[in-house]
């Protein structure tokens, strides 16, 4: 898994799946608790472990009262 730091804000945030439409819903509920889980995507500038800075598409899961979990880089824009 890549380690990275998000620089600034995540932009163009869009929900791509909710509830049972999420393939990992059982694992999320077991690990973090029940809630209205959403799979979300957005774009941000990140700094990777090696110090390089990239514009990327991020995907993550979030639920009200639980927050963002499992943030990952889906693709590099530049």
PDB file of N, CA and C in Angstrom:
ATOM      1  N   UNK A   1       0.837  -1.184   0.000  1.00  0.00           N
ATOM      2  CA  UNK A   1       0.000   0.000   0.000  1.00  0.00           C
ATOM      3  C   UNK A   1       0.875   1.238   0.000  1.00  0.00           C
ATOM      4  N   UNK A   2       0.490   2.198  -0.804  1.00  0.00           N
ATOM      5  CA  UNK A   2       1.253   3.431  -0.887  1.00  0.00           C
ATOM      6  C   UNK A   2       0.929   4.345   0.282  1.00  0.00           C
ATOM      7  N   UNK A   3       1.942   4.994   0.799  1.00  0.00           N
ATOM      8  CA  UNK A   3       1.736   6.020   1.811  1.00  0.00           C
ATOM      9  C   UNK A   3       1.863   7.366   1.125  1.00  0.00           C
ATOM     10  N   UNK A   4       0.938   8.261   1.424  1.00  0.00           N
ATOM     11  CA  UNK A   4       0.942   9.571   0.800  1.00  0.00           C
ATOM     12  C   UNK A   4       0.285  10.575   1.727  1.00  0.00           C
ATOM     13  N   UNK A   5       0.531  11.855   1.440  1.00  0.00           N
ATOM     14  CA  UNK A   5      -0.057  12.954   2.207  1.00  0.00           C
ATOM     15  C   UNK A   5      -0.891  13.782   1.241  1.00  0.00           C
ATOM     16  N   UNK A   6      -2.129  14.061   1.605  1.00  0.00           N
ATOM     17  CA  UNK A   6      -3.000  14.872   0.769  1.00  0.00           C
ATOM     18  C   UNK A   6      -2.650  16.335   1.022  1.00  0.00           C
ATOM     19  N   UNK A   7      -2.351  17.063  -0.039  1.00  0.00           N
ATOM     20  CA  UNK A   7      -2.010  18.476   0.050  1.00  0.00           C
ATOM     21  C   UNK A   7      -3.230  19.294  -0.377  1.00  0.00           C
ATOM     22  N   UNK A   8      -3.759  20.098   0.493  1.00  0.00           N
ATOM     23  CA  UNK A   8      -4.921  20.923   0.147  1.00  0.00           C
ATOM     24  C   UNK A   8      -6.224  20.149   0.244  1.00  0.00           C
ATOM     25  N   UNK A   9      -7.193  20.570  -0.564  1.00  0.00           N
ATOM     26  CA  UNK A   9      -8.536  20.001  -0.509  1.00  0.00           C
ATOM     27  C   UNK A   9      -8.734  18.921  -1.560  1.00  0.00           C
ATOM     28  N   UNK A  10      -9.661  18.011  -1.277  1.00  0.00           N
ATOM     29  CA  UNK A  10     -10.102  17.044  -2.269  1.00  0.00           C
ATOM     30  C   UNK A  10     -11.230  17.713  -3.046  1.00  0.00           C
ATOM     31  N   UNK A  11     -11.120  17.726  -4.379  1.00  0.00           N
ATOM     32  CA  UNK A  11     -12.077  18.435  -5.216  1.00  0.00           C
ATOM     33  C   UNK A  11     -12.910  17.470  -6.044  1.00  0.00           C
ATOM     34  N   UNK A  12     -14.001  17.966  -6.589  1.00  0.00           N
ATOM     35  CA  UNK A  12     -14.898  17.202  -7.458  1.00  0.00           C
ATOM     36  C   UNK A  12     -15.324  15.887  -6.800  1.00  0.00           C
ATOM     37  N   UNK A  13     -15.707  15.966  -5.539  1.00  0.00           N
ATOM     38  CA  UNK A  13     -16.107  14.787  -4.765  1.00  0.00           C
ATOM     39  C   UNK A  13     -17.446  14.273  -5.292  1.00  0.00           C
ATOM     40  N   UNK A  14     -17.494  12.977  -5.538  1.00  0.00           N
ATOM     41  CA  UNK A  14     -18.707  12.365  -6.096  1.00  0.00           C
ATOM     42  C   UNK A  14     -18.923  10.990  -5.460  1.00  0.00           C
ATOM     43  N   UNK A  15     -20.151  10.715  -5.016  1.00  0.00           N
ATOM     44  CA  UNK A  15     -20.506   9.400  -4.485  1.00  0.00           C
ATOM     45  C   UNK A  15     -20.689   8.446  -5.652  1.00  0.00           C
ATOM     46  N   UNK A  16     -20.038   7.270  -5.583  1.00  0.00           N
ATOM     47  CA  UNK A  16     -20.154   6.306  -6.678  1.00  0.00           C
ATOM     48  C   UNK A  16     -20.899   5.037  -6.272  1.00  0.00           C
ATOM     49  N   UNK A  17     -21.114   4.814  -4.972  1.00  0.00           N
ATOM     50  CA  UNK A  17     -21.912   3.669  -4.511  1.00  0.00           C
ATOM     51  C   UNK A  17     -22.352   3.919  -3.076  1.00  0.00           C
ATOM     52  N   UNK A  18     -23.531   3.373  -2.718  1.00  0.00           N
ATOM     53  CA  UNK A  18     -24.077   3.550  -1.370  1.00  0.00           C
ATOM     54  C   UNK A  18     -24.607   2.210  -0.874  1.00  0.00           C
ATOM     55  N   UNK A  19     -24.385   1.928   0.420  1.00  0.00           N
ATOM     56  CA  UNK A  19     -24.976   0.754   1.067  1.00  0.00           C
ATOM     57  C   UNK A  19     -24.593  -0.572   0.424  1.00  0.00           C
ATOM     58  N   UNK A  20     -25.587  -1.361   0.101  1.00  0.00           N
ATOM     59  CA  UNK A  20     -25.332  -2.716  -0.410  1.00  0.00           C
ATOM     60  C   UNK A  20     -24.727  -2.727  -1.809  1.00  0.00           C
ATOM     61  N   UNK A  21     -24.667  -1.589  -2.485  1.00  0.00           N
ATOM     62  CA  UNK A  21     -24.000  -1.493  -3.783  1.00  0.00           C
ATOM     63  C   UNK A  21     -22.480  -1.528  -3.639  1.00  0.00           C
ATOM     64  N   UNK A  22     -21.990  -1.417  -2.399  1.00  0.00           N
ATOM     65  CA  UNK A  22     -20.557  -1.475  -2.119  1.00  0.00           C
ATOM     66  C   UNK A  22     -20.170  -2.936  -1.906  1.00  0.00           C
ATOM     67  N   UNK A  23     -19.194  -3.413  -2.675  1.00  0.00           N
ATOM     68  CA  UNK A  23     -18.777  -4.815  -2.586  1.00  0.00           C
ATOM     69  C   UNK A  23     -18.214  -5.176  -1.215  1.00  0.00           C
ATOM     70  N   UNK A  24     -17.539  -4.246  -0.562  1.00  0.00           N
ATOM     71  CA  UNK A  24     -16.886  -4.512   0.726  1.00  0.00           C
ATOM     72  C   UNK A  24     -17.740  -4.138   1.929  1.00  0.00           C
ATOM     73  N   UNK A  25     -19.034  -4.006   1.782  1.00  0.00           N
ATOM     74  CA  UNK A  25     -19.874  -3.472   2.858  1.00  0.00           C
ATOM     75  C   UNK A  25     -19.799  -4.299   4.141  1.00  0.00           C
ATOM     76  N   UNK A  26     -19.786  -5.619   4.032  1.00  0.00           N
ATOM     77  CA  UNK A  26     -19.719  -6.470   5.229  1.00  0.00           C
ATOM     78  C   UNK A  26     -18.396  -6.252   5.969  1.00  0.00           C
ATOM     79  N   UNK A  27     -17.305  -6.152   5.233  1.00  0.00           N
ATOM     80  CA  UNK A  27     -15.988  -5.934   5.836  1.00  0.00           C
ATOM     81  C   UNK A  27     -15.914  -4.555   6.507  1.00  0.00           C
ATOM     82  N   UNK A  28     -16.487  -3.535   5.866  1.00  0.00           N
ATOM     83  CA  UNK A  28     -16.500  -2.191   6.457  1.00  0.00           C
ATOM     84  C   UNK A  28     -17.281  -2.172   7.763  1.00  0.00           C
ATOM     85  N   UNK A  29     -18.457  -2.786   7.765  1.00  0.00           N
ATOM     86  CA  UNK A  29     -19.283  -2.800   8.976  1.00  0.00           C
ATOM     87  C   UNK A  29     -18.606  -3.565  10.103  1.00  0.00           C
ATOM     88  N   UNK A  30     -17.934  -4.651   9.771  1.00  0.00           N
ATOM     89  CA  UNK A  30     -17.248  -5.442  10.798  1.00  0.00           C
ATOM     90  C   UNK A  30     -16.063  -4.668  11.377  1.00  0.00           C
ATOM     91  N   UNK A  31     -15.315  -3.984  10.522  1.00  0.00           N
ATOM     92  CA  UNK A  31     -14.112  -3.287  10.968  1.00  0.00           C
ATOM     93  C   UNK A  31     -14.402  -1.947  11.643  1.00  0.00           C
ATOM     94  N   UNK A  32     -15.395  -1.196  11.139  1.00  0.00           N
ATOM     95  CA  UNK A  32     -15.591   0.174  11.597  1.00  0.00           C
ATOM     96  C   UNK A  32     -16.967   0.457  12.189  1.00  0.00           C
ATOM     97  N   UNK A  33     -17.917  -0.461  12.056  1.00  0.00           N
ATOM     98  CA  UNK A  33     -19.248  -0.253  12.604  1.00  0.00           C
ATOM     99  C   UNK A  33     -20.280   0.041  11.529  1.00  0.00           C
ATOM    100  N   UNK A  34     -21.533  -0.037  11.931  1.00  0.00           N
ATOM    101  CA  UNK A  34     -22.602   0.203  10.963  1.00  0.00           C
ATOM    102  C   UNK A  34     -22.788   1.703  10.769  1.00  0.00           C
ATOM    103  N   UNK A  35     -23.284   2.039   9.629  1.00  0.00           N
ATOM    104  CA  UNK A  35     -23.522   3.427   9.273  1.00  0.00           C
ATOM    105  C   UNK A  35     -23.986   3.456   7.834  1.00  0.00           C
ATOM    106  N   UNK A  36     -24.293   4.617   7.322  1.00  0.00           N
ATOM    107  CA  UNK A  36     -24.687   4.742   5.921  1.00  0.00           C
ATOM    108  C   UNK A  36     -23.406   4.910   5.108  1.00  0.00           C
ATOM    109  N   UNK A  37     -22.819   3.800   4.735  1.00  0.00           N
ATOM    110  CA  UNK A  37     -21.544   3.791   4.035  1.00  0.00           C
ATOM    111  C   UNK A  37     -21.699   4.226   2.592  1.00  0.00           C
ATOM    112  N   UNK A  38     -20.723   5.005   2.133  1.00  0.00           N
ATOM    113  CA  UNK A  38     -20.661   5.463   0.752  1.00  0.00           C
ATOM    114  C   UNK A  38     -19.264   5.212   0.213  1.00  0.00           C
ATOM    115  N   UNK A  39     -19.175   4.826  -1.050  1.00  0.00           N
ATOM    116  CA  UNK A  39     -17.894   4.797  -1.742  1.00  0.00           C
ATOM    117  C   UNK A  39     -17.832   6.092  -2.526  1.00  0.00           C
ATOM    118  N   UNK A  40     -16.731   6.825  -2.364  1.00  0.00           N
ATOM    119  CA  UNK A  40     -16.623   8.176  -2.893  1.00  0.00           C
ATOM    120  C   UNK A  40     -15.331   8.322  -3.676  1.00  0.00           C
ATOM    121  N   UNK A  41     -15.359   9.209  -4.681  1.00  0.00           N
ATOM    122  CA  UNK A  41     -14.133   9.523  -5.400  1.00  0.00           C
ATOM    123  C   UNK A  41     -13.960  11.027  -5.465  1.00  0.00           C
ATOM    124  N   UNK A  42     -12.716  11.451  -5.658  1.00  0.00           N
ATOM    125  CA  UNK A  42     -12.401  12.864  -5.788  1.00  0.00           C
ATOM    126  C   UNK A  42     -10.978  13.016  -6.298  1.00  0.00           C
ATOM    127  N   UNK A  43     -10.602  14.251  -6.575  1.00  0.00           N
ATOM    128  CA  UNK A  43      -9.277  14.539  -7.120  1.00  0.00           C
ATOM    129  C   UNK A  43      -8.515  15.420  -6.144  1.00  0.00           C
ATOM    130  N   UNK A  44      -7.217  15.159  -6.001  1.00  0.00           N
ATOM    131  CA  UNK A  44      -6.396  15.931  -5.066  1.00  0.00           C
ATOM    132  C   UNK A  44      -4.940  15.895  -5.501  1.00  0.00           C
ATOM    133  N   UNK A  45      -4.172  16.790  -4.927  1.00  0.00           N
ATOM    134  CA  UNK A  45      -2.728  16.787  -5.089  1.00  0.00           C
ATOM    135  C   UNK A  45      -2.147  16.087  -3.874  1.00  0.00           C
ATOM    136  N   UNK A  46      -1.236  15.138  -4.103  1.00  0.00           N
ATOM    137  CA  UNK A  46      -0.646  14.369  -3.004  1.00  0.00           C
ATOM    138  C   UNK A  46       0.875  14.381  -3.091  1.00  0.00           C
ATOM    139  N   UNK A  47       1.500  14.189  -1.934  1.00  0.00           N
ATOM    140  CA  UNK A  47       2.955  14.009  -1.864  1.00  0.00           C
ATOM    141  C   UNK A  47       3.204  12.555  -1.504  1.00  0.00           C
ATOM    142  N   UNK A  48       3.930  11.846  -2.353  1.00  0.00           N
ATOM    143  CA  UNK A  48       4.255  10.448  -2.106  1.00  0.00           C
ATOM    144  C   UNK A  48       5.423  10.341  -1.138  1.00  0.00           C
ATOM    145  N   UNK A  49       5.698   9.128  -0.678  1.00  0.00           N
ATOM    146  CA  UNK A  49       6.807   8.881   0.266  1.00  0.00           C
ATOM    147  C   UNK A  49       8.147   9.378  -0.268  1.00  0.00           C
ATOM    148  N   UNK A  50       8.342   9.271  -1.588  1.00  0.00           N
ATOM    149  CA  UNK A  50       9.626   9.673  -2.170  1.00  0.00           C
ATOM    150  C   UNK A  50       9.738  11.187  -2.377  1.00  0.00           C
ATOM    151  N   UNK A  51       8.700  11.944  -1.973  1.00  0.00           N
ATOM    152  CA  UNK A  51       8.729  13.398  -2.056  1.00  0.00           C
ATOM    153  C   UNK A  51       8.131  13.979  -3.322  1.00  0.00           C
ATOM    154  N   UNK A  52       7.813  13.152  -4.289  1.00  0.00           N
ATOM    155  CA  UNK A  52       7.233  13.664  -5.524  1.00  0.00           C
ATOM    156  C   UNK A  52       5.779  14.071  -5.297  1.00  0.00           C
ATOM    157  N   UNK A  53       5.341  15.053  -6.068  1.00  0.00           N
ATOM    158  CA  UNK A  53       3.976  15.574  -5.939  1.00  0.00           C
ATOM    159  C   UNK A  53       3.216  15.260  -7.218  1.00  0.00           C
ATOM    160  N   UNK A  54       2.002  14.716  -7.068  1.00  0.00           N
ATOM    161  CA  UNK A  54       1.196  14.303  -8.212  1.00  0.00           C
ATOM    162  C   UNK A  54      -0.258  14.715  -8.016  1.00  0.00           C
ATOM    163  N   UNK A  55      -0.954  14.896  -9.119  1.00  0.00           N
ATOM    164  CA  UNK A  55      -2.412  15.071  -9.124  1.00  0.00           C
ATOM    165  C   UNK A  55      -2.992  13.683  -9.335  1.00  0.00           C
ATOM    166  N   UNK A  56      -3.918  13.270  -8.479  1.00  0.00           N
ATOM    167  CA  UNK A  56      -4.426  11.893  -8.512  1.00  0.00           C
ATOM    168  C   UNK A  56      -5.938  11.847  -8.330  1.00  0.00           C
ATOM    169  N   UNK A  57      -6.510  10.713  -8.727  1.00  0.00           N
ATOM    170  CA  UNK A  57      -7.894  10.394  -8.388  1.00  0.00           C
ATOM    171  C   UNK A  57      -7.859   9.483  -7.179  1.00  0.00           C
ATOM    172  N   UNK A  58      -8.586   9.863  -6.132  1.00  0.00           N
ATOM    173  CA  UNK A  58      -8.643   9.082  -4.904  1.00  0.00           C
ATOM    174  C   UNK A  58     -10.002   8.403  -4.790  1.00  0.00           C
ATOM    175  N   UNK A  59     -10.025   7.210  -4.206  1.00  0.00           N
ATOM    176  CA  UNK A  59     -11.271   6.535  -3.841  1.00  0.00           C
ATOM    177  C   UNK A  59     -11.191   6.225  -2.356  1.00  0.00           C
ATOM    178  N   UNK A  60     -12.335   6.315  -1.663  1.00  0.00           N
ATOM    179  CA  UNK A  60     -12.380   5.992  -0.250  1.00  0.00           C
ATOM    180  C   UNK A  60     -13.809   5.648   0.144  1.00  0.00           C
ATOM    181  N   UNK A  61     -13.953   5.168   1.368  1.00  0.00           N
ATOM    182  CA  UNK A  61     -15.261   4.879   1.951  1.00  0.00           C
ATOM    183  C   UNK A  61     -15.482   5.855   3.092  1.00  0.00           C
ATOM    184  N   UNK A  62     -16.733   6.280   3.297  1.00  0.00           N
ATOM    185  CA  UNK A  62     -17.030   7.146   4.421  1.00  0.00           C
ATOM    186  C   UNK A  62     -18.441   6.893   4.918  1.00  0.00           C
ATOM    187  N   UNK A  63     -18.628   7.175   6.210  1.00  0.00           N
ATOM    188  CA  UNK A  63     -19.943   7.078   6.830  1.00  0.00           C
ATOM    189  C   UNK A  63     -20.045   8.197   7.859  1.00  0.00           C
ATOM    190  N   UNK A  64     -21.234   8.731   8.009  1.00  0.00           N
ATOM    191  CA  UNK A  64     -21.461   9.816   8.968  1.00  0.00           C
ATOM    192  C   UNK A  64     -21.102   9.335  10.380  1.00  0.00           C
ATOM    193  N   UNK A  65     -20.325  10.127  11.086  1.00  0.00           N
ATOM    194  CA  UNK A  65     -19.919   9.786  12.440  1.00  0.00           C
ATOM    195  C   UNK A  65     -18.716   8.860  12.509  1.00  0.00           C
ATOM    196  N   UNK A  66     -18.308   8.309  11.367  1.00  0.00           N
ATOM    197  CA  UNK A  66     -17.161   7.401  11.330  1.00  0.00           C
ATOM    198  C   UNK A  66     -16.007   8.041  10.576  1.00  0.00           C
ATOM    199  N   UNK A  67     -16.304   8.729   9.487  1.00  0.00           N
ATOM    200  CA  UNK A  67     -15.278   9.433   8.721  1.00  0.00           C
ATOM    201  C   UNK A  67     -14.780   8.651   7.525  1.00  0.00           C
ATOM    202  N   UNK A  68     -13.703   9.157   6.931  1.00  0.00           N
ATOM    203  CA  UNK A  68     -13.096   8.536   5.750  1.00  0.00           C
ATOM    204  C   UNK A  68     -12.231   7.361   6.153  1.00  0.00           C
ATOM    205  N   UNK A  69     -12.368   6.273   5.422  1.00  0.00           N
ATOM    206  CA  UNK A  69     -11.566   5.069   5.674  1.00  0.00           C
ATOM    207  C   UNK A  69     -11.061   4.519   4.350  1.00  0.00           C
ATOM    208  N   UNK A  70      -9.931   3.869   4.404  1.00  0.00           N
ATOM    209  CA  UNK A  70      -9.343   3.170   3.261  1.00  0.00           C
ATOM    210  C   UNK A  70      -9.157   4.077   2.049  1.00  0.00           C
ATOM    211  N   UNK A  71      -8.519   5.202   2.244  1.00  0.00           N
ATOM    212  CA  UNK A  71      -8.242   6.120   1.129  1.00  0.00           C
ATOM    213  C   UNK A  71      -7.125   5.520   0.284  1.00  0.00           C
ATOM    214  N   UNK A  72      -7.359   5.442  -1.031  1.00  0.00           N
ATOM    215  CA  UNK A  72      -6.328   4.901  -1.921  1.00  0.00           C
ATOM    216  C   UNK A  72      -6.262   5.699  -3.204  1.00  0.00           C
ATOM    217  N   UNK A  73      -5.094   5.678  -3.824  1.00  0.00           N
ATOM    218  CA  UNK A  73      -4.907   6.316  -5.121  1.00  0.00           C
ATOM    219  C   UNK A  73      -5.413   5.352  -6.179  1.00  0.00           C
ATOM    220  N   UNK A  74      -6.369   5.806  -6.963  1.00  0.00           N
ATOM    221  CA  UNK A  74      -6.930   4.976  -8.024  1.00  0.00           C
ATOM    222  C   UNK A  74      -6.152   5.162  -9.323  1.00  0.00           C
ATOM    223  N   UNK A  75      -5.821   6.424  -9.651  1.00  0.00           N
ATOM    224  CA  UNK A  75      -5.012   6.661 -10.855  1.00  0.00           C
ATOM    225  C   UNK A  75      -4.305   8.000 -10.753  1.00  0.00           C
ATOM    226  N   UNK A  76      -3.213   8.099 -11.494  1.00  0.00           N
ATOM    227  CA  UNK A  76      -2.424   9.338 -11.565  1.00  0.00           C
ATOM    228  C   UNK A  76      -2.909  10.143 -12.758  1.00  0.00           C
ATOM    229  N   UNK A  77      -3.152  11.432 -12.548  1.00  0.00           N
ATOM    230  CA  UNK A  77      -3.640  12.306 -13.614  1.00  0.00           C
ATOM    231  C   UNK A  77      -2.468  12.854 -14.436  1.00  0.00           C
ATOM    232  N   UNK A  78      -1.375  13.229 -13.781  1.00  0.00           N
ATOM    233  CA  UNK A  78      -0.225  13.767 -14.518  1.00  0.00           C
ATOM    234  C   UNK A  78       0.948  12.836 -14.492  1.00  0.00           C
TER     235      UNK A  78
END
